[in-house]
Amino acid sequence: MTIRPATGNTLKLSLELLKRIPRHRYVTAAELHRQLEAAGIVRTRRSIERQLEQLSLEFEIERDDRSKPYGYRWRSHAQGFSLPMLNEQESLLLALAQRYLQNLLPASVMQSMEGFSFRRAPTCWVRRRQNRKPSG
């Protein structure tokens, strides 16, 4: 008899996978498996493959099954999926933290963030920064 994870754990896995599926390139189950393990979520690669198959049927996720391992990405017209919504300041903070820490943290930790897309900093912030006069 196979022991199945609780529904809450399955939901959490689904949400984590949806967050980590990229828009502009394909990602394999093995890559997602490594990202999830780096984030402390331990599942078998086969359970991730099954979940990806189901998600590709339910969401706007494209599955490239021309060769194995299969690749997954959001369809070009898909709205995608993001939880929680970050405001502009939070997005900027995360983007700056990622840029600053990329050479300081292990690659596995940075890989766990690959599925996240950060909104670009509002252009008004960039202009304010450029127009700032040195004090003195």
N, C-alpha and C. Protein backbone atom coordinates (compact mmCIF):
# COMPACT_ATOMS: atom_id res chain seq x y z
N MET A 1 0.84 -1.18 0.00
CA MET A 1 0.00 0.00 0.00
C MET A 1 0.88 1.25 0.00
N THR A 2 0.60 2.17 -0.87
CA THR A 2 1.37 3.40 -1.00
C THR A 2 0.82 4.45 -0.05
N ILE A 3 1.72 5.13 0.62
CA ILE A 3 1.30 6.22 1.51
C ILE A 3 1.29 7.51 0.71
N ARG A 4 0.15 8.15 0.68
CA ARG A 4 0.01 9.39 -0.08
C ARG A 4 0.17 10.58 0.86
N PRO A 5 0.77 11.66 0.37
CA PRO A 5 0.89 12.86 1.21
C PRO A 5 -0.47 13.48 1.47
N ALA A 6 -0.56 14.20 2.57
CA ALA A 6 -1.81 14.88 2.92
C ALA A 6 -2.15 15.91 1.85
N THR A 7 -3.44 16.22 1.73
CA THR A 7 -3.91 17.16 0.73
C THR A 7 -3.20 18.51 0.84
N GLY A 8 -2.98 18.97 2.05
CA GLY A 8 -2.28 20.25 2.26
C GLY A 8 -0.87 20.21 1.69
N ASN A 9 -0.19 19.06 1.83
CA ASN A 9 1.16 18.93 1.28
C ASN A 9 1.12 18.91 -0.24
N THR A 10 0.11 18.26 -0.81
CA THR A 10 -0.03 18.24 -2.27
C THR A 10 -0.31 19.64 -2.80
N LEU A 11 -1.15 20.37 -2.10
CA LEU A 11 -1.45 21.74 -2.50
C LEU A 11 -0.19 22.61 -2.42
N LYS A 12 0.57 22.46 -1.35
CA LYS A 12 1.80 23.22 -1.21
C LYS A 12 2.77 22.90 -2.34
N LEU A 13 2.89 21.61 -2.68
CA LEU A 13 3.76 21.22 -3.79
C LEU A 13 3.29 21.86 -5.10
N SER A 14 1.99 21.83 -5.34
CA SER A 14 1.44 22.43 -6.56
C SER A 14 1.77 23.92 -6.63
N LEU A 15 1.56 24.63 -5.54
CA LEU A 15 1.84 26.06 -5.51
C LEU A 15 3.32 26.34 -5.73
N GLU A 16 4.18 25.55 -5.10
CA GLU A 16 5.62 25.74 -5.27
C GLU A 16 6.03 25.48 -6.71
N LEU A 17 5.47 24.45 -7.33
CA LEU A 17 5.80 24.16 -8.72
C LEU A 17 5.32 25.27 -9.64
N LEU A 18 4.10 25.74 -9.42
CA LEU A 18 3.56 26.82 -10.26
C LEU A 18 4.42 28.08 -10.17
N LYS A 19 4.95 28.37 -8.98
CA LYS A 19 5.80 29.54 -8.81
C LYS A 19 7.13 29.38 -9.54
N ARG A 20 7.60 28.14 -9.66
CA ARG A 20 8.94 27.90 -10.19
C ARG A 20 8.98 27.59 -11.69
N ILE A 21 7.84 27.42 -12.31
CA ILE A 21 7.83 27.15 -13.75
C ILE A 21 8.08 28.47 -14.48
N PRO A 22 9.13 28.51 -15.31
CA PRO A 22 9.46 29.76 -15.99
C PRO A 22 8.57 30.04 -17.18
N ARG A 23 8.66 31.24 -17.69
CA ARG A 23 7.85 31.68 -18.82
C ARG A 23 8.60 31.53 -20.14
N HIS A 24 9.91 31.76 -20.15
CA HIS A 24 10.64 31.87 -21.42
C HIS A 24 11.58 30.71 -21.72
N ARG A 25 11.64 29.73 -20.89
CA ARG A 25 12.47 28.55 -21.15
C ARG A 25 11.81 27.35 -20.51
N TYR A 26 12.21 26.17 -20.95
CA TYR A 26 11.67 24.96 -20.37
C TYR A 26 12.47 24.56 -19.14
N VAL A 27 11.78 23.98 -18.19
CA VAL A 27 12.43 23.45 -16.99
C VAL A 27 12.01 21.99 -16.86
N THR A 28 12.92 21.14 -16.43
CA THR A 28 12.61 19.72 -16.29
C THR A 28 12.21 19.40 -14.85
N ALA A 29 11.64 18.23 -14.68
CA ALA A 29 11.27 17.78 -13.34
C ALA A 29 12.51 17.67 -12.46
N ALA A 30 13.63 17.24 -13.03
CA ALA A 30 14.86 17.12 -12.26
C ALA A 30 15.33 18.49 -11.74
N GLU A 31 15.24 19.52 -12.58
CA GLU A 31 15.62 20.87 -12.16
C GLU A 31 14.71 21.36 -11.03
N LEU A 32 13.41 21.14 -11.21
CA LEU A 32 12.45 21.55 -10.18
C LEU A 32 12.67 20.76 -8.89
N HIS A 33 13.01 19.49 -9.03
CA HIS A 33 13.30 18.65 -7.87
C HIS A 33 14.45 19.24 -7.07
N ARG A 34 15.52 19.66 -7.75
CA ARG A 34 16.67 20.28 -7.07
C ARG A 34 16.28 21.59 -6.40
N GLN A 35 15.49 22.41 -7.10
CA GLN A 35 15.05 23.69 -6.52
C GLN A 35 14.23 23.46 -5.26
N LEU A 36 13.32 22.50 -5.33
CA LEU A 36 12.47 22.22 -4.17
C LEU A 36 13.27 21.69 -3.00
N GLU A 37 14.22 20.80 -3.28
CA GLU A 37 15.06 20.29 -2.20
C GLU A 37 15.87 21.41 -1.56
N ALA A 38 16.39 22.33 -2.38
CA ALA A 38 17.13 23.47 -1.84
C ALA A 38 16.25 24.35 -0.96
N ALA A 39 14.95 24.35 -1.24
CA ALA A 39 14.00 25.14 -0.44
C ALA A 39 13.45 24.33 0.74
N GLY A 40 13.94 23.09 0.91
CA GLY A 40 13.52 22.27 2.05
C GLY A 40 12.27 21.46 1.81
N ILE A 41 11.85 21.32 0.57
CA ILE A 41 10.67 20.53 0.24
C ILE A 41 11.15 19.23 -0.38
N VAL A 42 10.97 18.14 0.35
CA VAL A 42 11.50 16.85 -0.09
C VAL A 42 10.38 15.99 -0.65
N ARG A 43 10.49 15.68 -1.92
CA ARG A 43 9.56 14.79 -2.63
C ARG A 43 10.37 13.97 -3.62
N THR A 44 9.82 12.86 -4.05
CA THR A 44 10.51 12.08 -5.08
C THR A 44 10.36 12.79 -6.42
N ARG A 45 11.31 12.53 -7.29
CA ARG A 45 11.22 13.14 -8.62
C ARG A 45 9.97 12.63 -9.34
N ARG A 46 9.63 11.38 -9.14
CA ARG A 46 8.44 10.83 -9.79
C ARG A 46 7.17 11.53 -9.33
N SER A 47 7.06 11.87 -8.06
CA SER A 47 5.86 12.57 -7.59
C SER A 47 5.80 13.98 -8.19
N ILE A 48 6.95 14.59 -8.41
CA ILE A 48 6.99 15.90 -9.06
C ILE A 48 6.58 15.76 -10.52
N GLU A 49 7.03 14.71 -11.19
CA GLU A 49 6.63 14.46 -12.58
C GLU A 49 5.12 14.29 -12.69
N ARG A 50 4.53 13.51 -11.77
CA ARG A 50 3.07 13.31 -11.80
C ARG A 50 2.33 14.62 -11.58
N GLN A 51 2.84 15.41 -10.64
CA GLN A 51 2.20 16.69 -10.34
C GLN A 51 2.30 17.64 -11.53
N LEU A 52 3.45 17.66 -12.19
CA LEU A 52 3.63 18.52 -13.37
C LEU A 52 2.68 18.10 -14.49
N GLU A 53 2.52 16.81 -14.67
CA GLU A 53 1.60 16.32 -15.70
C GLU A 53 0.19 16.83 -15.43
N GLN A 54 -0.24 16.74 -14.17
CA GLN A 54 -1.58 17.19 -13.80
C GLN A 54 -1.72 18.71 -13.96
N LEU A 55 -0.69 19.44 -13.53
CA LEU A 55 -0.74 20.90 -13.63
C LEU A 55 -0.79 21.36 -15.09
N SER A 56 -0.10 20.64 -15.96
CA SER A 56 -0.11 21.03 -17.37
C SER A 56 -1.47 20.81 -18.00
N LEU A 57 -2.29 19.96 -17.41
CA LEU A 57 -3.65 19.76 -17.90
C LEU A 57 -4.61 20.83 -17.37
N GLU A 58 -4.33 21.32 -16.17
CA GLU A 58 -5.24 22.25 -15.49
C GLU A 58 -4.91 23.72 -15.74
N PHE A 59 -3.63 24.03 -16.01
CA PHE A 59 -3.19 25.41 -16.16
C PHE A 59 -2.62 25.61 -17.55
N GLU A 60 -2.27 26.84 -17.86
CA GLU A 60 -1.72 27.20 -19.17
C GLU A 60 -0.22 26.88 -19.21
N ILE A 61 0.11 25.62 -18.94
CA ILE A 61 1.49 25.18 -18.91
C ILE A 61 1.74 24.29 -20.12
N GLU A 62 2.78 24.62 -20.85
CA GLU A 62 3.15 23.87 -22.05
C GLU A 62 4.13 22.77 -21.65
N ARG A 63 3.87 21.56 -22.16
CA ARG A 63 4.77 20.45 -21.90
C ARG A 63 5.45 20.05 -23.21
N ASP A 64 6.76 20.13 -23.23
CA ASP A 64 7.53 19.74 -24.41
C ASP A 64 7.85 18.25 -24.26
N ASP A 65 7.09 17.42 -24.98
CA ASP A 65 7.27 15.97 -24.84
C ASP A 65 7.92 15.36 -26.08
N ARG A 66 8.66 16.19 -26.85
CA ARG A 66 9.34 15.66 -28.03
C ARG A 66 10.47 14.71 -27.65
N SER A 67 11.08 14.93 -26.50
CA SER A 67 12.12 14.03 -26.02
C SER A 67 12.12 14.07 -24.50
N LYS A 68 12.71 13.05 -23.90
CA LYS A 68 12.79 13.02 -22.45
C LYS A 68 14.14 13.56 -22.03
N PRO A 69 14.25 14.23 -20.91
CA PRO A 69 13.17 14.55 -19.98
C PRO A 69 12.27 15.67 -20.54
N TYR A 70 11.00 15.59 -20.20
CA TYR A 70 10.05 16.59 -20.66
C TYR A 70 10.39 17.95 -20.04
N GLY A 71 10.05 19.00 -20.79
CA GLY A 71 10.24 20.34 -20.28
C GLY A 71 8.90 21.02 -20.08
N TYR A 72 8.86 21.94 -19.13
CA TYR A 72 7.62 22.65 -18.81
C TYR A 72 7.89 24.14 -18.76
N ARG A 73 6.94 24.92 -19.28
CA ARG A 73 6.99 26.37 -19.16
C ARG A 73 5.56 26.90 -19.31
N TRP A 74 5.38 28.14 -18.87
CA TRP A 74 4.09 28.80 -19.06
C TRP A 74 3.92 29.11 -20.54
N ARG A 75 2.72 28.94 -21.05
CA ARG A 75 2.44 29.30 -22.44
C ARG A 75 2.63 30.81 -22.59
N SER A 76 2.97 31.24 -23.79
CA SER A 76 3.30 32.66 -24.00
C SER A 76 2.13 33.59 -23.66
N HIS A 77 0.90 33.15 -23.86
CA HIS A 77 -0.26 34.00 -23.59
C HIS A 77 -0.80 33.85 -22.17
N ALA A 78 -0.21 32.97 -21.39
CA ALA A 78 -0.72 32.69 -20.04
C ALA A 78 -0.50 33.87 -19.10
N GLN A 79 -1.41 34.03 -18.18
CA GLN A 79 -1.29 35.06 -17.17
C GLN A 79 -0.21 34.70 -16.14
N GLY A 80 0.06 33.40 -16.04
CA GLY A 80 1.04 32.95 -15.05
C GLY A 80 0.39 32.81 -13.69
N PHE A 81 1.23 32.72 -12.70
CA PHE A 81 0.75 32.48 -11.35
C PHE A 81 1.73 33.10 -10.39
N SER A 82 1.26 33.95 -9.51
CA SER A 82 2.14 34.51 -8.50
C SER A 82 1.39 34.70 -7.19
N LEU A 83 1.99 34.22 -6.15
CA LEU A 83 1.48 34.38 -4.80
C LEU A 83 2.66 34.64 -3.90
N PRO A 84 2.62 35.46 -2.98
CA PRO A 84 1.67 36.56 -2.87
C PRO A 84 2.08 37.68 -3.81
N MET A 85 1.18 38.60 -4.02
CA MET A 85 1.51 39.76 -4.85
C MET A 85 2.39 40.68 -4.01
N LEU A 86 3.48 41.09 -4.59
CA LEU A 86 4.37 42.01 -3.91
C LEU A 86 4.11 43.42 -4.42
N ASN A 87 4.21 44.37 -3.51
CA ASN A 87 4.09 45.74 -3.99
C ASN A 87 5.42 46.15 -4.62
N GLU A 88 5.49 47.34 -5.17
CA GLU A 88 6.68 47.76 -5.90
C GLU A 88 7.92 47.81 -5.01
N GLN A 89 7.76 48.27 -3.76
CA GLN A 89 8.91 48.35 -2.85
C GLN A 89 9.43 46.96 -2.51
N GLU A 90 8.52 46.01 -2.25
CA GLU A 90 8.94 44.65 -1.93
C GLU A 90 9.62 43.98 -3.12
N SER A 91 9.09 44.20 -4.32
CA SER A 91 9.70 43.65 -5.52
C SER A 91 11.10 44.19 -5.72
N LEU A 92 11.26 45.49 -5.53
CA LEU A 92 12.57 46.11 -5.68
C LEU A 92 13.54 45.55 -4.65
N LEU A 93 13.10 45.43 -3.41
CA LEU A 93 13.95 44.91 -2.35
C LEU A 93 14.41 43.49 -2.66
N LEU A 94 13.50 42.64 -3.11
CA LEU A 94 13.87 41.27 -3.45
C LEU A 94 14.82 41.21 -4.64
N ALA A 95 14.56 42.03 -5.65
CA ALA A 95 15.44 42.05 -6.82
C ALA A 95 16.84 42.51 -6.43
N LEU A 96 16.94 43.53 -5.60
CA LEU A 96 18.25 44.02 -5.16
C LEU A 96 18.96 42.98 -4.29
N ALA A 97 18.20 42.33 -3.41
CA ALA A 97 18.79 41.28 -2.57
C ALA A 97 19.32 40.14 -3.42
N GLN A 98 18.55 39.75 -4.40
CA GLN A 98 18.99 38.66 -5.28
C GLN A 98 20.26 39.05 -6.02
N ARG A 99 20.29 40.25 -6.55
CA ARG A 99 21.47 40.71 -7.30
C ARG A 99 22.70 40.78 -6.38
N TYR A 100 22.53 41.30 -5.17
CA TYR A 100 23.64 41.45 -4.24
C TYR A 100 24.14 40.09 -3.74
N LEU A 101 23.23 39.18 -3.47
CA LEU A 101 23.60 37.91 -2.85
C LEU A 101 24.01 36.82 -3.84
N GLN A 102 23.86 37.05 -5.13
CA GLN A 102 24.11 35.99 -6.10
C GLN A 102 25.52 35.43 -6.03
N ASN A 103 26.51 36.23 -5.66
CA ASN A 103 27.88 35.74 -5.55
C ASN A 103 28.27 35.37 -4.14
N LEU A 104 27.37 35.59 -3.19
CA LEU A 104 27.67 35.30 -1.79
C LEU A 104 27.03 34.01 -1.29
N LEU A 105 25.92 33.61 -1.91
CA LEU A 105 25.20 32.42 -1.47
C LEU A 105 25.54 31.23 -2.36
N PRO A 106 25.38 30.02 -1.84
CA PRO A 106 25.62 28.83 -2.67
C PRO A 106 24.67 28.81 -3.87
N ALA A 107 25.14 28.22 -4.95
CA ALA A 107 24.34 28.15 -6.18
C ALA A 107 23.00 27.47 -5.94
N SER A 108 22.96 26.47 -5.06
CA SER A 108 21.70 25.76 -4.81
C SER A 108 20.64 26.69 -4.21
N VAL A 109 21.08 27.62 -3.37
CA VAL A 109 20.13 28.57 -2.78
C VAL A 109 19.61 29.53 -3.86
N MET A 110 20.51 30.00 -4.70
CA MET A 110 20.08 30.89 -5.77
C MET A 110 19.17 30.17 -6.77
N GLN A 111 19.43 28.89 -7.00
CA GLN A 111 18.58 28.12 -7.91
C GLN A 111 17.17 28.00 -7.35
N SER A 112 17.04 27.97 -6.05
CA SER A 112 15.70 27.85 -5.47
C SER A 112 14.85 29.09 -5.73
N MET A 113 15.49 30.18 -6.15
CA MET A 113 14.76 31.41 -6.45
C MET A 113 14.48 31.57 -7.93
N GLU A 114 14.93 30.64 -8.77
CA GLU A 114 14.82 30.79 -10.22
C GLU A 114 13.39 31.00 -10.71
N GLY A 115 12.43 30.38 -10.07
CA GLY A 115 11.06 30.49 -10.55
C GLY A 115 10.40 31.82 -10.28
N PHE A 116 11.02 32.63 -9.45
CA PHE A 116 10.44 33.91 -9.12
C PHE A 116 10.81 34.94 -10.16
N SER A 117 9.83 35.74 -10.54
CA SER A 117 10.15 36.84 -11.46
C SER A 117 9.86 38.13 -10.72
N PHE A 118 10.81 39.02 -10.73
CA PHE A 118 10.65 40.28 -10.03
C PHE A 118 10.24 41.35 -11.02
N ARG A 119 9.27 42.15 -10.61
CA ARG A 119 8.88 43.27 -11.46
C ARG A 119 10.04 44.25 -11.52
N ARG A 120 10.17 44.89 -12.65
CA ARG A 120 11.24 45.88 -12.77
C ARG A 120 10.94 47.06 -11.86
N ALA A 121 11.99 47.71 -11.44
CA ALA A 121 11.82 48.89 -10.60
C ALA A 121 11.08 49.96 -11.39
N PRO A 122 10.15 50.63 -10.78
CA PRO A 122 9.44 51.68 -11.49
C PRO A 122 10.43 52.71 -12.04
N THR A 123 10.16 53.20 -13.25
CA THR A 123 11.08 54.13 -13.90
C THR A 123 11.23 55.42 -13.11
N CYS A 124 10.21 55.78 -12.34
CA CYS A 124 10.33 57.01 -11.56
C CYS A 124 11.44 56.88 -10.52
N TRP A 125 11.66 55.69 -9.95
CA TRP A 125 12.74 55.49 -8.99
C TRP A 125 14.09 55.63 -9.67
N VAL A 126 14.19 55.10 -10.87
CA VAL A 126 15.45 55.19 -11.61
C VAL A 126 15.75 56.65 -11.92
N ARG A 127 14.74 57.39 -12.38
CA ARG A 127 14.93 58.80 -12.69
C ARG A 127 15.32 59.59 -11.44
N ARG A 128 14.65 59.31 -10.31
CA ARG A 128 14.97 60.01 -9.07
C ARG A 128 16.43 59.77 -8.69
N ARG A 129 16.86 58.54 -8.82
CA ARG A 129 18.24 58.18 -8.49
C ARG A 129 19.23 58.91 -9.40
N GLN A 130 18.92 58.99 -10.68
CA GLN A 130 19.81 59.65 -11.64
C GLN A 130 19.83 61.17 -11.45
N ASN A 131 18.71 61.74 -11.02
CA ASN A 131 18.61 63.19 -10.86
C ASN A 131 19.13 63.68 -9.51
N ARG A 132 19.44 62.75 -8.62
CA ARG A 132 19.91 63.13 -7.30
C ARG A 132 21.26 63.82 -7.42
N LYS A 133 21.37 64.96 -6.76
CA LYS A 133 22.63 65.71 -6.81
C LYS A 133 23.45 65.33 -5.59
N PRO A 134 24.76 65.19 -5.77
CA PRO A 134 25.60 64.86 -4.63
C PRO A 134 25.54 65.99 -3.60
N SER A 135 25.48 65.58 -2.35
CA SER A 135 25.43 66.59 -1.29
C SER A 135 26.87 67.01 -0.97
N GLY A 136 27.02 68.22 -0.60
CA GLY A 136 28.36 68.62 -0.21
C GLY A 136 28.70 69.94 -0.55
